[in-house]
Amino acid sequence: MGGPVLVKAKENARAVACQSNQRQLAQGFLLFAHDNKGQLPGNFWDRANPIPVRTCWLLGNSPSGVYTDGPQKGTIFQYVARKMDVYRCPSLLEGKPGSNFNSNGRFDYAAFLVFGGAKVTRIRPMSRFTYPTGKQESLVTPLICDEDPAYGINTANMEGGHCNTDKMAHRHHGGAFYASIDTSVHWFNEPKASDSWSWETPTSEGKWTSLGNVPNPTWGWWNVQ
């Protein structure tokens, strides 16, 4: 076996590993919630939270957002057996930090910012995605995803909050994997013209709310929508 067949086989293996990583991270989020009154870990804008357990899932209480504090200072690190490689996508080469290309060398996954401190019971299982054409599709609600390095995770702003103009990657067979609140992992080809604003999820009261919102601070924001 060689040539294109070997290349495809290797990517398939990397894709399986990436899905496993995201599943483990999602499980870490749920284990954290189990220990913290059913609430998910905080995100980027929670770094200065005076309650240590409510700081960022990835950077912990790093006031300046230093990316080298991730993932070992993040609040879920202990819940994934302190395994650094769980945060790295095997399909991404290590690049120059801040270069908009490849991996920053520390972490390759981002969590949707709006769910920082959200109660698990208030997150609906299904969301809708609006394509540039206006067509809408019902999809499983995303929690953690492959983020495009050029849109947040390896730019000058290296952090793990997925929001605003952040986009999903296209590194696995032209699309990205994302994990949901039930730890299932899904593949999706997000149009390059789209971003996190294209995703909407209903609140517990049935109000459709965009996952592109940038609440600051984030802890518990979803619970009062």
Protein backbone atom coordinates (compact mmCIF):
# COMPACT_ATOMS: atom_id res chain seq x y z
CA MET A 1 0.00 0.00 0.00
CA GLY A 2 1.42 3.37 -0.96
CA GLY A 3 0.76 6.71 -2.57
CA PRO A 4 -2.73 8.22 -2.19
CA VAL A 5 -4.05 5.11 -0.43
CA LEU A 6 -1.39 5.39 2.28
CA VAL A 7 -2.00 9.13 2.66
CA LYS A 8 -5.73 8.51 3.08
CA ALA A 9 -5.14 5.74 5.61
CA LYS A 10 -2.87 7.97 7.67
CA GLU A 11 -5.40 10.81 7.67
CA ASN A 12 -8.15 8.39 8.66
CA ALA A 13 -6.04 7.34 11.65
CA ARG A 14 -5.40 10.96 12.60
CA ALA A 15 -9.10 11.74 12.26
CA VAL A 16 -9.96 8.91 14.66
CA ALA A 17 -7.38 10.25 17.15
CA CYS A 18 -8.78 13.78 16.86
CA GLN A 19 -12.29 12.54 17.56
CA SER A 20 -10.99 10.66 20.60
CA ASN A 21 -9.29 13.82 21.87
CA GLN A 22 -12.45 15.89 21.62
CA ARG A 23 -14.50 13.16 23.24
CA GLN A 24 -12.08 13.10 26.19
CA LEU A 25 -12.21 16.88 26.51
CA ALA A 26 -16.01 16.84 26.47
CA GLN A 27 -15.95 14.13 29.14
CA GLY A 28 -13.61 16.38 31.13
CA PHE A 29 -16.15 19.20 30.86
CA LEU A 30 -18.88 16.92 32.22
CA LEU A 31 -16.71 15.60 35.07
CA PHE A 32 -15.94 19.20 35.99
CA ALA A 33 -19.66 20.00 35.95
CA HIS A 34 -20.36 17.01 38.19
CA ASP A 35 -18.04 18.49 40.80
CA ASN A 36 -19.31 22.07 40.39
CA LYS A 37 -23.07 22.14 40.78
CA GLY A 38 -23.74 21.07 37.22
CA GLN A 39 -21.96 24.02 35.63
CA LEU A 40 -19.40 23.81 32.84
CA PRO A 41 -15.93 25.34 33.21
CA GLY A 42 -15.22 28.99 32.49
CA ASN A 43 -13.68 30.33 29.29
CA PHE A 44 -11.22 33.01 28.18
CA TRP A 45 -12.89 36.06 29.75
CA ASP A 46 -13.12 34.29 33.11
CA ARG A 47 -9.38 34.30 33.74
CA ALA A 48 -9.69 37.01 36.42
CA ASN A 49 -12.60 35.38 38.23
CA PRO A 50 -11.86 35.55 41.99
CA ILE A 51 -13.18 32.02 42.40
CA PRO A 52 -10.32 29.82 41.07
CA VAL A 53 -12.55 26.98 39.88
CA ARG A 54 -14.43 29.43 37.64
CA THR A 55 -11.37 30.52 35.67
CA CYS A 56 -10.59 29.42 32.10
CA TRP A 57 -10.87 25.76 31.11
CA LEU A 58 -7.69 26.14 29.08
CA LEU A 59 -5.57 28.96 30.56
CA GLY A 60 -6.72 28.92 34.17
CA ASN A 61 -6.20 32.29 35.89
CA SER A 62 -3.61 33.62 33.44
CA PRO A 63 -4.43 37.39 33.65
CA SER A 64 -2.58 38.27 30.46
CA GLY A 65 -3.82 35.22 28.57
CA VAL A 66 -0.34 33.77 28.07
CA TYR A 67 -0.88 30.80 25.77
CA THR A 68 1.97 28.84 27.37
CA ASP A 69 -0.20 28.55 30.49
CA GLY A 70 -2.41 26.24 28.47
CA PRO A 71 -3.44 23.59 28.90
CA GLN A 72 -1.72 22.65 32.16
CA LYS A 73 -3.21 25.53 34.18
CA GLY A 74 -6.71 25.02 32.80
CA THR A 75 -9.48 23.92 35.11
CA ILE A 76 -10.16 20.63 33.30
CA PHE A 77 -6.53 19.46 33.02
CA GLN A 78 -6.94 17.14 35.98
CA TYR A 79 -10.07 15.64 34.45
CA VAL A 80 -8.20 14.44 31.35
CA ALA A 81 -5.48 12.75 33.40
CA ARG A 82 -3.13 15.69 32.76
CA LYS A 83 -2.45 14.46 29.24
CA MET A 84 -1.03 17.26 27.09
CA ASP A 85 -1.53 15.40 23.81
CA VAL A 86 -5.33 15.37 24.27
CA TYR A 87 -5.30 19.09 23.40
CA ARG A 88 -3.40 18.64 20.13
CA CYS A 89 -4.88 17.66 16.78
CA PRO A 90 -2.63 15.02 15.15
CA SER A 91 -3.36 16.46 11.69
CA LEU A 92 -1.75 19.81 12.53
CA LEU A 93 1.98 20.32 12.35
CA GLU A 94 3.55 22.48 15.02
CA GLY A 95 3.91 25.96 13.59
CA LYS A 96 5.25 29.29 14.71
CA PRO A 97 3.09 30.70 17.53
CA GLY A 98 0.95 33.58 16.30
CA SER A 99 1.58 32.83 12.62
CA ASN A 100 -2.07 32.09 11.67
CA PHE A 101 -0.87 28.73 10.37
CA ASN A 102 -0.62 25.21 11.81
CA SER A 103 -0.60 24.63 15.57
CA ASN A 104 0.59 27.01 18.28
CA GLY A 105 2.18 23.93 19.84
CA ARG A 106 -0.01 23.88 22.96
CA PHE A 107 -3.65 23.42 21.96
CA ASP A 108 -5.73 23.13 18.79
CA TYR A 109 -9.30 22.95 20.09
CA ALA A 110 -11.64 25.71 21.19
CA ALA A 111 -14.82 25.70 23.28
CA PHE A 112 -17.85 27.83 22.40
CA LEU A 113 -17.47 30.89 24.62
CA VAL A 114 -21.16 31.34 25.42
CA PHE A 115 -21.24 28.11 27.44
CA GLY A 116 -18.70 29.17 30.07
CA GLY A 117 -20.27 28.37 33.43
CA ALA A 118 -23.47 27.18 31.74
CA LYS A 119 -25.60 24.64 33.55
CA VAL A 120 -25.53 21.40 31.61
CA THR A 121 -29.29 21.08 31.96
CA ARG A 122 -29.83 24.41 30.19
CA ILE A 123 -28.02 23.41 26.99
CA ARG A 124 -30.38 22.07 24.34
CA PRO A 125 -29.17 19.03 22.35
CA MET A 126 -29.97 20.51 18.93
CA SER A 127 -29.02 23.78 17.24
CA ARG A 128 -29.51 25.27 13.81
CA PHE A 129 -26.91 26.43 11.32
CA THR A 130 -27.67 29.10 8.73
CA TYR A 131 -25.75 28.80 5.48
CA PRO A 132 -24.70 31.88 3.45
CA THR A 133 -27.59 31.07 1.09
CA GLY A 134 -30.07 31.41 3.94
CA LYS A 135 -30.75 27.68 4.12
CA GLN A 136 -30.96 26.36 7.68
CA GLU A 137 -30.01 22.92 8.96
CA SER A 138 -30.68 21.26 12.31
CA LEU A 139 -27.45 19.98 13.86
CA VAL A 140 -26.27 18.63 17.20
CA THR A 141 -25.23 21.53 19.45
CA PRO A 142 -21.45 22.08 19.39
CA LEU A 143 -19.41 22.45 22.58
CA ILE A 144 -15.77 21.96 21.51
CA CYS A 145 -14.43 22.13 17.97
CA ASP A 146 -11.48 22.06 15.59
CA GLU A 147 -10.80 25.76 15.17
CA ASP A 148 -9.16 27.24 12.10
CA PRO A 149 -5.68 28.40 13.25
CA ALA A 150 -6.04 31.58 11.20
CA TYR A 151 -9.15 32.63 13.12
CA GLY A 152 -8.18 32.80 16.77
CA ILE A 153 -6.27 29.84 18.07
CA ASN A 154 -2.92 30.63 16.46
CA THR A 155 -3.18 34.33 15.72
CA ALA A 156 -1.84 37.13 17.90
CA ASN A 157 -4.70 36.17 20.24
CA MET A 158 -3.95 32.54 21.20
CA GLU A 159 -6.79 31.27 23.36
CA GLY A 160 -9.49 28.64 23.35
CA GLY A 161 -12.75 30.57 23.17
CA HIS A 162 -14.79 29.99 20.00
CA CYS A 163 -16.98 33.03 19.24
CA ASN A 164 -17.49 36.06 17.02
CA THR A 165 -15.56 35.63 13.71
CA ASP A 166 -13.88 32.37 14.73
CA LYS A 167 -14.31 29.60 12.17
CA MET A 168 -14.14 25.84 12.23
CA ALA A 169 -11.22 24.21 10.44
CA HIS A 170 -11.22 22.18 7.22
CA ARG A 171 -8.42 19.76 8.02
CA HIS A 172 -10.29 16.45 8.21
CA HIS A 173 -11.55 15.39 4.78
CA GLY A 174 -12.45 19.03 4.08
CA GLY A 175 -14.30 19.62 7.34
CA ALA A 176 -13.98 19.69 11.11
CA PHE A 177 -14.93 17.58 14.08
CA TYR A 178 -16.83 18.96 17.01
CA ALA A 179 -17.92 17.44 20.33
CA SER A 180 -21.33 17.97 21.89
CA ILE A 181 -22.56 18.11 25.47
CA ASP A 182 -23.30 14.35 25.45
CA THR A 183 -19.63 13.72 24.41
CA SER A 184 -20.63 12.50 20.93
CA VAL A 185 -18.37 13.80 18.12
CA HIS A 186 -19.61 14.95 14.72
CA TRP A 187 -18.10 15.98 11.38
CA PHE A 188 -19.21 19.20 9.71
CA ASN A 189 -18.08 21.15 6.68
CA GLU A 190 -18.66 24.75 7.74
CA PRO A 191 -18.69 27.07 4.71
CA LYS A 192 -15.62 29.30 4.65
CA ALA A 193 -17.87 32.35 4.45
CA SER A 194 -19.49 31.36 7.78
CA ASP A 195 -18.35 31.71 11.38
CA SER A 196 -19.69 31.14 14.89
CA TRP A 197 -22.50 33.68 14.33
CA SER A 198 -24.01 31.18 11.90
CA TRP A 199 -24.86 28.86 14.80
CA GLU A 200 -27.96 29.39 16.94
CA THR A 201 -29.25 27.40 19.89
CA PRO A 202 -32.50 27.79 21.81
CA THR A 203 -32.30 28.69 25.48
CA SER A 204 -34.35 26.80 28.07
CA GLU A 205 -37.11 29.36 27.43
CA GLY A 206 -37.03 28.69 23.69
CA LYS A 207 -35.29 31.94 22.66
CA TRP A 208 -32.92 31.37 19.74
CA THR A 209 -29.53 32.80 20.64
CA SER A 210 -26.40 33.01 18.49
CA LEU A 211 -23.31 31.12 19.58
CA GLY A 212 -21.24 33.98 18.18
CA ASN A 213 -21.95 36.19 21.19
CA VAL A 214 -18.93 37.45 23.16
CA PRO A 215 -20.06 37.81 26.80
CA ASN A 216 -17.43 39.27 29.12
CA PRO A 217 -17.24 37.79 31.69
CA THR A 218 -18.65 34.53 30.39
CA TRP A 219 -19.29 32.54 33.57
CA GLY A 220 -23.01 31.77 33.82
CA TRP A 221 -24.04 34.10 30.98
CA TRP A 222 -25.99 31.35 29.24
CA ASN A 223 -28.02 30.62 32.36
CA VAL A 224 -29.78 33.98 32.27
CA GLN A 225 -30.55 34.13 28.56
